[in-house]
Amino acid sequence: MSTPARIGPNSIIQTVASLESRYGKAETEAILTRSGHKHLIGNLPSEMVEEDKFHKLVTALVRELGDNVMTHILNDSGQRTAAYLLKVRIPGFFQKLLKPLPSGLAFRLLLFAISKNAWTFAGSGDFSYTTGKTPTITVKVTYPSIPVVGNFYLGTFTKLLRELVNPGTRIEAEIKPDGNAIICSYRCRI
């Protein structure tokens, strides 16, 4: 039996932070309790977590709050995760290197670097990207989840690309089920 794939704790930490930003602490605690995730109150993870913890949280919150609300919560959670990465994980010298480069080259270098650590957010899934006139980022979520989860990655990539590649970056997302997987495809206009 294989070890379950693990992902970064910010998937959960920042989703709860986004809920608190929108609803306040007391209502967030009530939402977590109603959704079966009371154990997260005052007990957010500080190390890598099994990917099922994030996907189960998302699924439970969609049942509680609906797809539309969770689209916004997850996009914000992804942006918060990107802010954490910019502050703590992406070296300052690399950020300074990317910002003055032409957008296409900065994109290629950033996505190459991301691909080396993609397991930290893709878990058991896959990550890929293409370059060119309209570059594309693809995350294939293979752990059972629901399409709204793609908004977490959308928020993350949007903030990272706007901060490090081109502030005018726009991303068109196509998130759809594909058999037992979810394909999250992001066409980037950099």
Protein backbone atom coordinates (compact mmCIF):
# COMPACT_ATOMS: atom_id res chain seq x y z
CA MET A 1 0.00 0.00 0.00
CA SER A 2 1.43 3.38 -0.99
CA THR A 3 1.80 6.35 1.32
CA PRO A 4 -0.89 8.99 0.75
CA ALA A 5 0.35 12.05 -1.14
CA ARG A 6 0.98 15.12 0.95
CA ILE A 7 0.54 18.80 0.12
CA GLY A 8 1.43 22.07 1.81
CA PRO A 9 -0.54 23.10 4.89
CA ASN A 10 -1.37 26.50 3.36
CA SER A 11 -4.14 24.85 1.38
CA ILE A 12 -6.00 24.49 4.69
CA ILE A 13 -4.49 27.39 6.64
CA GLN A 14 -5.33 29.98 3.98
CA THR A 15 -8.79 28.56 3.29
CA VAL A 16 -9.64 29.01 6.97
CA ALA A 17 -8.05 32.51 6.88
CA SER A 18 -10.20 33.39 3.88
CA LEU A 19 -13.31 32.18 5.70
CA GLU A 20 -12.35 34.31 8.73
CA SER A 21 -11.78 37.33 6.51
CA ARG A 22 -15.23 36.95 5.01
CA TYR A 23 -17.26 35.76 8.00
CA GLY A 24 -15.27 36.62 11.13
CA LYS A 25 -13.81 34.22 13.65
CA ALA A 26 -17.02 33.18 15.43
CA GLU A 27 -18.99 32.43 12.26
CA THR A 28 -16.00 30.61 10.73
CA GLU A 29 -15.83 28.38 13.79
CA ALA A 30 -19.56 27.70 13.42
CA ILE A 31 -19.10 26.88 9.71
CA LEU A 32 -16.20 24.53 10.47
CA THR A 33 -18.26 22.85 13.19
CA ARG A 34 -21.32 22.41 10.95
CA SER A 35 -19.17 21.09 8.11
CA GLY A 36 -17.55 18.42 10.29
CA HIS A 37 -14.17 20.17 10.59
CA LYS A 38 -14.34 21.44 14.17
CA HIS A 39 -10.93 19.82 14.75
CA LEU A 40 -9.35 22.68 12.76
CA ILE A 41 -10.44 25.33 15.25
CA GLY A 42 -7.27 26.45 16.99
CA ASN A 43 -5.48 23.47 15.46
CA LEU A 44 -4.37 24.39 11.95
CA PRO A 45 -1.62 22.25 10.43
CA SER A 46 1.98 23.44 10.49
CA GLU A 47 3.49 20.68 8.35
CA MET A 48 2.66 18.90 5.11
CA VAL A 49 -0.80 17.29 5.20
CA GLU A 50 -2.35 14.35 3.43
CA GLU A 51 -4.09 15.75 0.37
CA ASP A 52 -7.42 14.21 1.35
CA LYS A 53 -7.65 16.66 4.27
CA PHE A 54 -7.81 19.63 1.89
CA HIS A 55 -10.15 18.00 -0.63
CA LYS A 56 -12.51 16.79 2.11
CA LEU A 57 -12.54 20.29 3.62
CA VAL A 58 -13.39 21.83 0.23
CA THR A 59 -16.17 19.30 -0.40
CA ALA A 60 -17.67 19.86 3.06
CA LEU A 61 -17.52 23.64 2.71
CA VAL A 62 -19.23 23.50 -0.69
CA ARG A 63 -22.07 21.52 0.92
CA GLU A 64 -22.27 24.18 3.64
CA LEU A 65 -21.75 27.37 1.61
CA GLY A 66 -22.34 26.49 -2.06
CA ASP A 67 -20.18 26.61 -5.19
CA ASN A 68 -20.43 30.37 -5.75
CA VAL A 69 -19.19 31.32 -2.29
CA MET A 70 -16.46 28.69 -2.36
CA THR A 71 -15.27 29.90 -5.77
CA HIS A 72 -14.42 33.22 -4.09
CA ILE A 73 -13.11 31.68 -0.87
CA LEU A 74 -10.76 29.33 -2.75
CA ASN A 75 -9.54 32.03 -5.14
CA ASP A 76 -8.74 34.21 -2.13
CA SER A 77 -7.14 31.25 -0.35
CA GLY A 78 -4.93 30.67 -3.40
CA GLN A 79 -3.91 34.33 -3.45
CA ARG A 80 -3.09 34.17 0.25
CA THR A 81 -1.00 31.07 -0.41
CA ALA A 82 0.86 32.90 -3.18
CA ALA A 83 1.52 35.80 -0.79
CA TYR A 84 3.00 33.32 1.68
CA LEU A 85 5.17 31.80 -1.07
CA LEU A 86 6.41 35.25 -2.08
CA LYS A 87 7.23 36.15 1.51
CA VAL A 88 8.70 32.86 2.74
CA ARG A 89 9.40 30.29 0.02
CA ILE A 90 10.47 32.01 -3.21
CA PRO A 91 13.96 33.44 -2.64
CA GLY A 92 14.20 37.22 -2.91
CA PHE A 93 17.09 37.04 -5.37
CA PHE A 94 14.97 34.87 -7.70
CA GLN A 95 12.07 37.34 -7.46
CA LYS A 96 14.43 40.22 -8.29
CA LEU A 97 15.81 38.24 -11.23
CA LEU A 98 12.36 37.58 -12.73
CA LYS A 99 10.69 40.99 -12.45
CA PRO A 100 12.76 42.92 -15.04
CA LEU A 101 12.84 40.06 -17.57
CA PRO A 102 10.58 39.93 -20.65
CA SER A 103 7.28 38.29 -19.67
CA GLY A 104 7.77 35.13 -21.73
CA LEU A 105 11.20 34.42 -20.27
CA ALA A 106 10.08 35.23 -16.71
CA PHE A 107 7.11 32.87 -17.18
CA ARG A 108 9.35 30.04 -18.40
CA LEU A 109 11.79 30.44 -15.51
CA LEU A 110 9.06 30.73 -12.87
CA LEU A 111 7.10 27.74 -14.13
CA PHE A 112 10.26 25.67 -14.46
CA ALA A 113 11.02 26.43 -10.79
CA ILE A 114 7.43 25.67 -9.77
CA SER A 115 7.54 22.35 -11.62
CA LYS A 116 10.39 21.20 -9.38
CA ASN A 117 8.13 21.47 -6.32
CA ALA A 118 4.72 20.87 -7.90
CA TRP A 119 4.10 17.87 -5.67
CA THR A 120 3.62 20.32 -2.78
CA PHE A 121 0.29 21.42 -4.27
CA ALA A 122 -0.59 18.79 -6.88
CA GLY A 123 -0.22 15.88 -4.44
CA SER A 124 -0.95 12.67 -6.33
CA GLY A 125 -1.99 14.69 -9.38
CA ASP A 126 0.04 16.12 -12.24
CA PHE A 127 1.35 19.56 -13.11
CA SER A 128 2.42 20.75 -16.53
CA TYR A 129 2.79 23.94 -18.53
CA THR A 130 3.35 25.13 -22.07
CA THR A 131 5.10 28.25 -23.24
CA GLY A 132 4.53 30.36 -26.32
CA LYS A 133 2.16 33.12 -27.32
CA THR A 134 -0.57 31.95 -24.94
CA PRO A 135 1.10 29.84 -22.26
CA THR A 136 -1.00 27.33 -20.36
CA ILE A 137 -0.70 25.89 -16.88
CA THR A 138 -2.45 22.60 -16.15
CA VAL A 139 -3.11 20.91 -12.83
CA LYS A 140 -4.67 17.47 -12.99
CA VAL A 141 -6.28 16.67 -9.64
CA THR A 142 -6.42 12.90 -9.30
CA TYR A 143 -7.51 12.70 -5.67
CA PRO A 144 -11.33 12.63 -5.53
CA SER A 145 -12.48 16.23 -5.33
CA ILE A 146 -14.88 18.63 -6.99
CA PRO A 147 -14.22 21.15 -9.80
CA VAL A 148 -14.50 24.24 -7.57
CA VAL A 149 -11.10 23.25 -6.10
CA GLY A 150 -9.51 24.61 -9.29
CA ASN A 151 -10.15 28.13 -8.01
CA PHE A 152 -7.48 27.61 -5.35
CA TYR A 153 -4.86 27.08 -8.06
CA LEU A 154 -6.31 29.93 -10.14
CA GLY A 155 -5.82 32.36 -7.24
CA THR A 156 -2.30 31.13 -6.59
CA PHE A 157 -1.10 31.33 -10.20
CA THR A 158 -2.80 34.67 -10.83
CA LYS A 159 -1.05 36.35 -7.91
CA LEU A 160 2.34 34.76 -8.62
CA LEU A 161 2.24 35.72 -12.31
CA ARG A 162 1.08 39.27 -11.59
CA GLU A 163 3.79 39.76 -8.98
CA LEU A 164 6.69 38.10 -10.79
CA VAL A 165 5.94 38.07 -14.53
CA ASN A 166 3.56 40.87 -15.54
CA PRO A 167 1.13 42.90 -13.39
CA GLY A 168 -1.36 42.86 -16.27
CA THR A 169 -1.55 39.06 -16.44
CA ARG A 170 -5.03 37.67 -17.07
CA ILE A 171 -5.90 34.00 -16.77
CA GLU A 172 -8.81 32.19 -18.38
CA ALA A 173 -9.66 29.06 -16.41
CA GLU A 174 -11.28 25.90 -17.71
CA ILE A 175 -12.00 23.49 -14.89
CA LYS A 176 -13.76 20.26 -15.73
CA PRO A 177 -14.15 16.67 -14.58
CA ASP A 178 -12.32 14.07 -16.66
CA GLY A 179 -13.22 10.58 -15.53
CA ASN A 180 -12.03 10.31 -11.93
CA ALA A 181 -9.85 13.41 -12.25
CA ILE A 182 -10.38 17.15 -12.51
CA ILE A 183 -8.45 19.00 -15.19
CA CYS A 184 -7.69 22.60 -14.30
CA SER A 185 -6.37 24.41 -17.35
CA TYR A 186 -5.29 28.04 -17.13
CA ARG A 187 -4.62 30.00 -20.32
CA CYS A 188 -2.35 32.87 -19.42
CA ARG A 189 -2.25 36.22 -21.15
CA ILE A 190 1.04 37.64 -19.99
